[in-house]
C-alpha atoms as a PDB file:
ATOM      1  CA  MET A   1      -0.053   0.074   0.106  1.00  0.00           C
ATOM      2  CA  LYS A   2       1.473   3.551  -1.263  1.00  0.00           C
ATOM      3  CA  LEU A   3       1.719   6.220   1.018  1.00  0.00           C
ATOM      4  CA  LEU A   4       3.292  10.253   0.770  1.00  0.00           C
ATOM      5  CA  VAL A   5       4.709  11.921   2.879  1.00  0.00           C
ATOM      6  CA  VAL A   6       5.849  15.452   2.868  1.00  0.00           C
ATOM      7  CA  GLU A   7       7.438  16.759   4.886  1.00  0.00           C
ATOM      8  CA  ASP A   8       9.851  19.625   4.808  1.00  0.00           C
ATOM      9  CA  ASP A   9      12.114  18.938   7.577  1.00  0.00           C
ATOM     10  CA  PRO A  10      14.101  16.319   6.601  1.00  0.00           C
ATOM     11  CA  ASP A  11      14.632  14.846  10.861  1.00  0.00           C
ATOM     12  CA  MET A  12      10.603  15.095  10.233  1.00  0.00           C
ATOM     13  CA  GLY A  13      10.730  13.525   7.394  1.00  0.00           C
ATOM     14  CA  GLY A  14      12.909  10.927   7.685  1.00  0.00           C
ATOM     15  CA  LEU A  15      11.223   9.897  10.794  1.00  0.00           C
ATOM     16  CA  VAL A  16       8.173   8.798   8.941  1.00  0.00           C
ATOM     17  CA  GLN A  17       9.423   7.871   5.533  1.00  0.00           C
ATOM     18  CA  ARG A  18      11.356   5.384   7.845  1.00  0.00           C
ATOM     19  CA  GLY A  19       8.776   4.294  10.432  1.00  0.00           C
ATOM     20  CA  LEU A  20       5.378   3.612   8.315  1.00  0.00           C
ATOM     21  CA  ALA A  21       8.396   2.137   5.961  1.00  0.00           C
ATOM     22  CA  ALA A  22       8.730  -0.215   9.572  1.00  0.00           C
ATOM     23  CA  GLU A  23       4.607  -1.416   9.019  1.00  0.00           C
ATOM     24  CA  GLY A  24       4.800  -2.151   5.722  1.00  0.00           C
ATOM     25  CA  TYR A  25       3.407   0.497   3.725  1.00  0.00           C
ATOM     26  CA  ASP A  26       5.182   1.693   0.552  1.00  0.00           C
ATOM     27  CA  VAL A  27       6.220   5.217   1.591  1.00  0.00           C
ATOM     28  CA  THR A  28       7.414   8.378  -1.673  1.00  0.00           C
ATOM     29  CA  LEU A  29       8.633  11.594   0.308  1.00  0.00           C
ATOM     30  CA  MET A  30       8.073  14.708  -0.569  1.00  0.00           C
ATOM     31  CA  THR A  31       9.430  17.973   0.560  1.00  0.00           C
ATOM     32  CA  ASN A  32       7.050  20.881  -1.107  1.00  0.00           C
ATOM     33  CA  GLY A  33       4.016  20.874  -2.409  1.00  0.00           C
ATOM     34  CA  VAL A  34       4.384  21.425  -6.482  1.00  0.00           C
ATOM     35  CA  ASP A  35       6.308  18.118  -6.341  1.00  0.00           C
ATOM     36  CA  ALA A  36       3.948  16.425  -3.991  1.00  0.00           C
ATOM     37  CA  LEU A  37       1.271  17.012  -7.368  1.00  0.00           C
ATOM     38  CA  ILE A  38       3.778  15.538 -10.048  1.00  0.00           C
ATOM     39  CA  ALA A  39       3.757  12.747  -7.734  1.00  0.00           C
ATOM     40  CA  LEU A  40       0.102  12.581  -6.914  1.00  0.00           C
ATOM     41  CA  ARG A  41      -0.399  13.288 -10.481  1.00  0.00           C
ATOM     42  CA  ASP A  42       1.961  10.833 -12.208  1.00  0.00           C
ATOM     43  CA  ASP A  43       0.896   8.169  -9.276  1.00  0.00           C
ATOM     44  CA  THR A  44      -1.869   5.997  -7.016  1.00  0.00           C
ATOM     45  CA  TYR A  45      -1.883   6.830  -2.583  1.00  0.00           C
ATOM     46  CA  SER A  46      -3.513   5.514  -1.307  1.00  0.00           C
ATOM     47  CA  ALA A  47      -3.388   8.201   1.657  1.00  0.00           C
ATOM     48  CA  ALA A  48      -1.170  11.193   2.518  1.00  0.00           C
ATOM     49  CA  ALA A  49       0.598  12.806   5.678  1.00  0.00           C
ATOM     50  CA  ILE A  50       0.928  16.785   4.519  1.00  0.00           C
ATOM     51  CA  ASP A  51       2.921  18.858   6.607  1.00  0.00           C
ATOM     52  CA  VAL A  52       1.036  22.357   7.439  1.00  0.00           C
ATOM     53  CA  MET A  53       4.149  25.057   7.108  1.00  0.00           C
ATOM     54  CA  LEU A  54       5.601  23.714   3.703  1.00  0.00           C
ATOM     55  CA  PRO A  55       7.714  26.185   1.364  1.00  0.00           C
ATOM     56  CA  GLY A  56       6.338  28.350  -0.390  1.00  0.00           C
ATOM     57  CA  MET A  57       2.648  26.021  -0.642  1.00  0.00           C
ATOM     58  CA  SER A  58       1.046  25.222   2.348  1.00  0.00           C
ATOM     59  CA  GLY A  59       0.170  22.700   3.692  1.00  0.00           C
ATOM     60  CA  PHE A  60      -3.859  23.869   3.720  1.00  0.00           C
ATOM     61  CA  GLU A  61      -3.467  24.969  -0.302  1.00  0.00           C
ATOM     62  CA  LEU A  62      -1.703  20.916  -1.018  1.00  0.00           C
ATOM     63  CA  CYS A  63      -5.119  19.999   1.086  1.00  0.00           C
ATOM     64  CA  ARG A  64      -7.294  22.012  -0.828  1.00  0.00           C
ATOM     65  CA  HIS A  65      -5.583  20.852  -4.824  1.00  0.00           C
ATOM     66  CA  ILE A  66      -5.480  17.846  -4.030  1.00  0.00           C
ATOM     67  CA  ARG A  67      -9.219  18.158  -3.976  1.00  0.00           C
ATOM     68  CA  ASP A  68      -9.926  20.721  -6.801  1.00  0.00           C
ATOM     69  CA  SER A  69      -8.252  17.660  -8.951  1.00  0.00           C
ATOM     70  CA  GLY A  70     -10.901  14.761  -8.060  1.00  0.00           C
ATOM     71  CA  THR A  71      -8.535  13.200  -5.807  1.00  0.00           C
ATOM     72  CA  ALA A  72     -10.296  11.679  -2.810  1.00  0.00           C
ATOM     73  CA  MET A  73      -7.300   9.807  -0.474  1.00  0.00           C
ATOM     74  CA  PRO A  74      -7.164  10.373   2.819  1.00  0.00           C
ATOM     75  CA  ILE A  75      -5.663  13.349   3.929  1.00  0.00           C
ATOM     76  CA  LEU A  76      -3.623  14.143   7.498  1.00  0.00           C
ATOM     77  CA  LEU A  77      -1.813  16.736   8.379  1.00  0.00           C
ATOM     78  CA  LEU A  78       1.053  17.548  10.532  1.00  0.00           C
ATOM     79  CA  THR A  79       1.966  20.582  11.968  1.00  0.00           C
ATOM     80  CA  ALA A  80       2.591  22.438  15.637  1.00  0.00           C
ATOM     81  CA  ARG A  81      -0.025  25.204  14.968  1.00  0.00           C
ATOM     82  CA  ASP A  82      -2.240  23.137  17.464  1.00  0.00           C
ATOM     83  CA  ALA A  83      -5.334  26.567  18.310  1.00  0.00           C
ATOM     84  CA  ILE A  84      -8.726  25.368  17.184  1.00  0.00           C
ATOM     85  CA  GLU A  85      -9.048  27.950  14.353  1.00  0.00           C
ATOM     86  CA  ASP A  86      -5.435  26.130  12.378  1.00  0.00           C
ATOM     87  CA  ARG A  87      -7.662  22.045  13.240  1.00  0.00           C
ATOM     88  CA  VAL A  88     -11.000  23.953  10.821  1.00  0.00           C
ATOM     89  CA  HIS A  89      -8.577  25.802   8.656  1.00  0.00           C
ATOM     90  CA  GLY A  90      -7.462  22.092   7.769  1.00  0.00           C
ATOM     91  CA  LEU A  91     -10.497  20.391   7.714  1.00  0.00           C
ATOM     92  CA  ASP A  92     -11.604  22.349   5.559  1.00  0.00           C
ATOM     93  CA  SER A  93      -8.786  22.311   3.209  1.00  0.00           C
ATOM     94  CA  GLY A  94      -9.574  18.802   2.850  1.00  0.00           C
ATOM     95  CA  ALA A  95      -7.795  16.982   5.506  1.00  0.00           C
ATOM     96  CA  ASP A  96      -9.245  14.104   6.930  1.00  0.00           C
ATOM     97  CA  ASP A  97      -7.044  14.292   9.988  1.00  0.00           C
ATOM     98  CA  TYR A  98      -4.992  16.786  12.104  1.00  0.00           C
ATOM     99  CA  LEU A  99      -1.924  15.547  14.395  1.00  0.00           C
ATOM    100  CA  THR A 100      -0.183  17.887  16.229  1.00  0.00           C
ATOM    101  CA  LYS A 101       3.405  18.128  17.063  1.00  0.00           C
ATOM    102  CA  PRO A 102       5.934  16.444  19.111  1.00  0.00           C
ATOM    103  CA  PHE A 103       3.059  13.528  18.189  1.00  0.00           C
ATOM    104  CA  ALA A 104       4.114   9.706  19.073  1.00  0.00           C
ATOM    105  CA  PHE A 105       5.209   8.183  16.528  1.00  0.00           C
ATOM    106  CA  ALA A 106       2.414   5.064  16.842  1.00  0.00           C
ATOM    107  CA  GLU A 107      -0.704   7.468  17.251  1.00  0.00           C
ATOM    108  CA  LEU A 108       0.849   8.949  14.474  1.00  0.00           C
ATOM    109  CA  ALA A 109       0.846   5.180  12.822  1.00  0.00           C
ATOM    110  CA  ALA A 110      -2.345   4.306  13.985  1.00  0.00           C
ATOM    111  CA  ARG A 111      -4.713   7.392  12.949  1.00  0.00           C
ATOM    112  CA  VAL A 112      -3.333   5.801   8.750  1.00  0.00           C
ATOM    113  CA  ARG A 113      -4.371   2.337   9.679  1.00  0.00           C
ATOM    114  CA  ALA A 114      -7.733   4.425  10.846  1.00  0.00           C
ATOM    115  CA  LEU A 115      -7.801   6.193   7.395  1.00  0.00           C
ATOM    116  CA  LEU A 116      -6.798   3.456   5.250  1.00  0.00           C
ATOM    117  CA  ARG A 117     -10.184   2.160   6.984  1.00  0.00           C
ATOM    118  CA  ARG A 118     -12.318   4.272   5.990  1.00  0.00           C
ATOM    119  CA  GLU A 119     -11.329   5.653   2.408  1.00  0.00           C
ATOM    120  CA  PRO A 120      -9.407   2.916   0.446  1.00  0.00           C
ATOM    121  CA  THR A 121      -9.938   4.567  -2.575  1.00  0.00           C
ATOM    122  CA  GLY A 122      -7.092   6.794  -3.886  1.00  0.00           C
ATOM    123  CA  MET A 123      -9.064   8.740  -6.008  1.00  0.00           C
ATOM    124  CA  ARG A 124     -12.963   9.307  -6.673  1.00  0.00           C
ATOM    125  CA  PRO A 125     -13.624   6.179  -9.623  1.00  0.00           C
ATOM    126  CA  GLN A 126     -16.746   8.952 -11.748  1.00  0.00           C
ATOM    127  CA  ILE A 127     -17.340  11.794 -11.761  1.00  0.00           C
ATOM    128  CA  ILE A 128     -20.097  12.017 -14.350  1.00  0.00           C
ATOM    129  CA  VAL A 129     -21.389  15.788 -15.447  1.00  0.00           C
ATOM    130  CA  GLY A 130     -24.477  15.293 -18.080  1.00  0.00           C
ATOM    131  CA  ARG A 131     -22.847  12.745 -20.512  1.00  0.00           C
ATOM    132  CA  LEU A 132     -19.205  12.571 -19.627  1.00  0.00           C
ATOM    133  CA  THR A 133     -18.313   9.907 -17.543  1.00  0.00           C
ATOM    134  CA  ILE A 134     -14.624   9.885 -15.913  1.00  0.00           C
ATOM    135  CA  ASP A 135     -13.070   7.423 -15.516  1.00  0.00           C
ATOM    136  CA  SER A 136     -10.249   7.080 -12.692  1.00  0.00           C
ATOM    137  CA  HIS A 137      -9.059   4.035 -12.671  1.00  0.00           C
ATOM    138  CA  GLU A 138      -9.385   2.991 -16.421  1.00  0.00           C
ATOM    139  CA  HIS A 139      -7.699   7.091 -17.278  1.00  0.00           C
ATOM    140  CA  GLN A 140     -11.177   6.477 -19.530  1.00  0.00           C
ATOM    141  CA  ALA A 141     -13.014   9.759 -20.710  1.00  0.00           C
ATOM    142  CA  LEU A 142     -16.536   8.746 -21.993  1.00  0.00           C
ATOM    143  CA  VAL A 143     -19.912  10.322 -23.640  1.00  0.00           C
ATOM    144  CA  SER A 144     -22.342   8.297 -24.058  1.00  0.00           C
ATOM    145  CA  GLY A 145     -20.619   5.767 -23.144  1.00  0.00           C
ATOM    146  CA  HIS A 146     -18.015   5.669 -26.298  1.00  0.00           C
ATOM    147  CA  GLU A 147     -14.324   7.313 -25.434  1.00  0.00           C
ATOM    148  CA  MET A 148     -13.027  10.131 -25.842  1.00  0.00           C
ATOM    149  CA  PRO A 149      -9.457   9.911 -27.657  1.00  0.00           C
ATOM    150  CA  LEU A 150      -7.212  11.963 -24.923  1.00  0.00           C
ATOM    151  CA  SER A 151      -3.364  12.010 -24.735  1.00  0.00           C
ATOM    152  CA  ARG A 152      -2.800  11.904 -20.590  1.00  0.00           C
ATOM    153  CA  ARG A 153      -2.661  15.709 -20.772  1.00  0.00           C
ATOM    154  CA  GLU A 154      -5.959  16.317 -21.317  1.00  0.00           C
ATOM    155  CA  PHE A 155      -7.469  13.604 -19.318  1.00  0.00           C
ATOM    156  CA  THR A 156      -5.896  15.762 -16.107  1.00  0.00           C
ATOM    157  CA  LEU A 157      -7.243  18.991 -17.358  1.00  0.00           C
ATOM    158  CA  LEU A 158     -10.421  17.285 -18.472  1.00  0.00           C
ATOM    159  CA  ARG A 159     -11.399  15.958 -15.064  1.00  0.00           C
ATOM    160  CA  LEU A 160     -10.500  19.156 -13.455  1.00  0.00           C
ATOM    161  CA  PHE A 161     -12.907  21.265 -14.655  1.00  0.00           C
ATOM    162  CA  ALA A 162     -15.026  18.093 -14.613  1.00  0.00           C
ATOM    163  CA  THR A 163     -14.203  18.143 -10.023  1.00  0.00           C
ATOM    164  CA  ASN A 164     -15.383  21.502 -10.553  1.00  0.00           C
ATOM    165  CA  PRO A 165     -17.890  22.081 -13.009  1.00  0.00           C
ATOM    166  CA  ASP A 166     -18.923  25.390 -12.816  1.00  0.00           C
ATOM    167  CA  LYS A 167     -15.838  26.543 -10.702  1.00  0.00           C
ATOM    168  CA  THR A 168     -13.844  29.016 -12.457  1.00  0.00           C
ATOM    169  CA  LEU A 169     -10.548  27.984 -12.530  1.00  0.00           C
ATOM    170  CA  SER A 170      -7.331  30.856 -12.448  1.00  0.00           C
ATOM    171  CA  ARG A 171      -4.391  29.639 -14.334  1.00  0.00           C
ATOM    172  CA  THR A 172      -2.718  29.318 -11.416  1.00  0.00           C
ATOM    173  CA  ASP A 173      -4.649  26.394 -10.620  1.00  0.00           C
ATOM    174  CA  ILE A 174      -4.600  24.866 -12.937  1.00  0.00           C
ATOM    175  CA  LEU A 175      -1.115  24.712 -13.731  1.00  0.00           C
ATOM    176  CA  GLU A 176      -0.019  23.591 -10.534  1.00  0.00           C
ATOM    177  CA  SER A 177      -2.781  20.566 -10.816  1.00  0.00           C
ATOM    178  CA  VAL A 178      -2.464  19.578 -14.593  1.00  0.00           C
ATOM    179  CA  TRP A 179       1.271  20.522 -14.533  1.00  0.00           C
ATOM    180  CA  GLY A 180       2.267  20.836 -11.160  1.00  0.00           C
ATOM    181  CA  THR A 181       4.159  23.663 -10.876  1.00  0.00           C
ATOM    182  CA  THR A 182       3.361  27.302 -10.253  1.00  0.00           C
ATOM    183  CA  GLU A 183       5.959  28.714 -12.717  1.00  0.00           C
ATOM    184  CA  ASN A 184       4.736  30.126 -15.732  1.00  0.00           C
ATOM    185  CA  ILE A 185       5.606  27.092 -18.503  1.00  0.00           C
ATOM    186  CA  GLY A 186       4.537  29.372 -22.115  1.00  0.00           C
ATOM    187  CA  THR A 187       1.650  32.153 -22.043  1.00  0.00           C
ATOM    188  CA  ASN A 188      -0.606  30.320 -24.860  1.00  0.00           C
ATOM    189  CA  VAL A 189       0.264  26.164 -23.783  1.00  0.00           C
ATOM    190  CA  ILE A 190      -3.411  26.667 -21.081  1.00  0.00           C
ATOM    191  CA  ASP A 191      -4.331  28.405 -24.650  1.00  0.00           C
ATOM    192  CA  GLN A 192      -3.559  25.262 -26.426  1.00  0.00           C
ATOM    193  CA  TYR A 193      -5.063  22.605 -23.735  1.00  0.00           C
ATOM    194  CA  VAL A 194      -8.140  23.777 -23.464  1.00  0.00           C
ATOM    195  CA  SER A 195      -8.651  24.906 -27.226  1.00  0.00           C
ATOM    196  CA  TYR A 196      -7.921  20.430 -27.788  1.00  0.00           C
ATOM    197  CA  LEU A 197     -11.241  20.169 -25.247  1.00  0.00           C
ATOM    198  CA  ARG A 198     -13.501  22.292 -26.388  1.00  0.00           C
ATOM    199  CA  LYS A 199     -12.688  20.711 -30.035  1.00  0.00           C
ATOM    200  CA  LYS A 200     -13.337  16.910 -28.732  1.00  0.00           C
ATOM    201  CA  LEU A 201     -15.780  17.579 -25.901  1.00  0.00           C
ATOM    202  CA  ASP A 202     -18.219  19.790 -29.187  1.00  0.00           C
ATOM    203  CA  VAL A 203     -17.132  16.059 -31.913  1.00  0.00           C
ATOM    204  CA  ALA A 204     -17.672  13.650 -28.749  1.00  0.00           C
ATOM    205  CA  GLY A 205     -21.416  15.379 -28.471  1.00  0.00           C
ATOM    206  CA  ALA A 206     -20.371  15.653 -24.508  1.00  0.00           C
ATOM    207  CA  GLY A 207     -23.013  18.919 -24.458  1.00  0.00           C
ATOM    208  CA  LEU A 208     -20.221  20.549 -22.473  1.00  0.00           C
ATOM    209  CA  SER A 209     -18.298  23.943 -22.842  1.00  0.00           C
ATOM    210  CA  ILE A 210     -15.128  24.904 -22.184  1.00  0.00           C
ATOM    211  CA  VAL A 211     -16.209  29.401 -20.813  1.00  0.00           C
ATOM    212  CA  THR A 212     -12.452  31.517 -21.205  1.00  0.00           C
ATOM    213  CA  GLU A 213     -13.398  34.159 -17.972  1.00  0.00           C
ATOM    214  CA  ARG A 214     -11.083  36.838 -19.076  1.00  0.00           C
ATOM    215  CA  GLY A 215      -9.146  37.329 -16.187  1.00  0.00           C
ATOM    216  CA  ARG A 216      -9.778  35.354 -13.914  1.00  0.00           C
ATOM    217  CA  GLY A 217      -9.448  31.043 -15.793  1.00  0.00           C
ATOM    218  CA  TYR A 218     -11.430  28.995 -17.399  1.00  0.00           C
ATOM    219  CA  ARG A 219     -14.565  27.806 -16.380  1.00  0.00           C
ATOM    220  CA  LEU A 220     -16.465  24.263 -17.212  1.00  0.00           C
ATOM    221  CA  ASP A 221     -19.456  26.012 -18.599  1.00  0.00           C
ATOM    222  CA  ALA A 222     -22.128  22.490 -17.898  1.00  0.00           C
ATOM    223  CA  LYS A 223     -25.829  24.643 -17.296  1.00  0.00           C
ATOM    224  CA  ASN A 224     -26.742  22.258 -21.507  1.00  0.00           C
ATOM    225  CA  ALA A 225     -24.979  19.392 -20.332  1.00  0.00           C
ATOM    226  CA  LEU A 226     -28.262  17.392 -20.138  1.00  0.00           C
ATOM    227  CA  GLU A 227     -30.044  18.926 -23.440  1.00  0.00           C
ATOM    228  CA  PRO A 228     -30.046  16.822 -26.613  1.00  0.00           C
ATOM    229  CA  LYS A 229     -27.797  18.289 -29.338  1.00  0.00           C
ATOM    230  CA  PRO A 230     -29.503  19.147 -32.053  1.00  0.00           C
ATOM    231  CA  SER A 231     -29.290  16.247 -34.825  1.00  0.00           C
ATOM    232  CA  GLY A 232     -27.298  17.039 -38.653  1.00  0.00           C
ATOM    233  CA  GLY A 233     -25.025  19.242 -35.325  1.00  0.00           C
ATOM    234  CA  SER A 234     -21.744  20.193 -36.987  1.00  0.00           C
ATOM    235  CA  ALA A 235     -20.305  16.626 -34.110  1.00  0.00           C
ATOM    236  CA  ALA A 236     -22.354  14.231 -36.006  1.00  0.00           C
ATOM    237  CA  GLY A 237     -20.316  11.600 -37.454  1.00  0.00           C
ATOM    238  CA  ALA A 238     -17.710  13.665 -37.273  1.00  0.00           C
ATOM    239  CA  ALA A 239     -14.384  11.217 -37.143  1.00  0.00           C
ATOM    240  CA  PRO A 240     -12.473  11.582 -33.121  1.00  0.00           C
ATOM    241  CA  GLU A 241      -9.825  13.091 -33.247  1.00  0.00           C
ATOM    242  CA  ALA A 242      -5.823  12.248 -32.692  1.00  0.00           C
ATOM    243  CA  ALA A 243      -5.014  12.305 -29.519  1.00  0.00           C
ATOM    244  CA  ALA A 244      -2.946  15.621 -28.819  1.00  0.00           C
ATOM    245  CA  PRO A 245       0.976  14.963 -27.817  1.00  0.00           C
END
């Protein structure tokens, strides 16, 4: 069973990693939120233990990005901040449990076991928006039961939109959740991938559109998702577009 530990203190991170490995878990240790998002994009984990005071992106922010991406794995926050408002903030950010430092390793291990009993899967298996179904386990996007040809990056971006229908996602949200970075990777990259998805959603007859919110980001407009597609439209009978590189 794979666990993700995100802790920037090398002594604490090593202690937690070795202890959980001794319990029989396959443990990946990351020291910042950006690397953690990349790990979560490329692999599936059963649970995560995340320090709150991380460099750059806080543990609270990392929790929110994980939840926004559609990942439902259990999250345990680790922190020396024990005020009630900090606990509330952590839980409202998407964490399932909150453990204050210093802690006994036996308690950490027990809380991990409890979280794994509560939620055995790491990703919402299906996300349904109208005729669109995102199957996270099979890495497929289906429209009325027919698969849409998508590249890995396109699938991750569409899953992010489908997890947040009718919610405006900023470029920073998209960069962190899909590309695992907060740095500008090129002004047109996000625009290009949104364009790919718009065309493929149209060809598939999904009844969904990705709207540009000028100065704010992009939003998956799902209000017409259940309306029947007019016959004779340009998408009818069109051959599926090949996945973008």
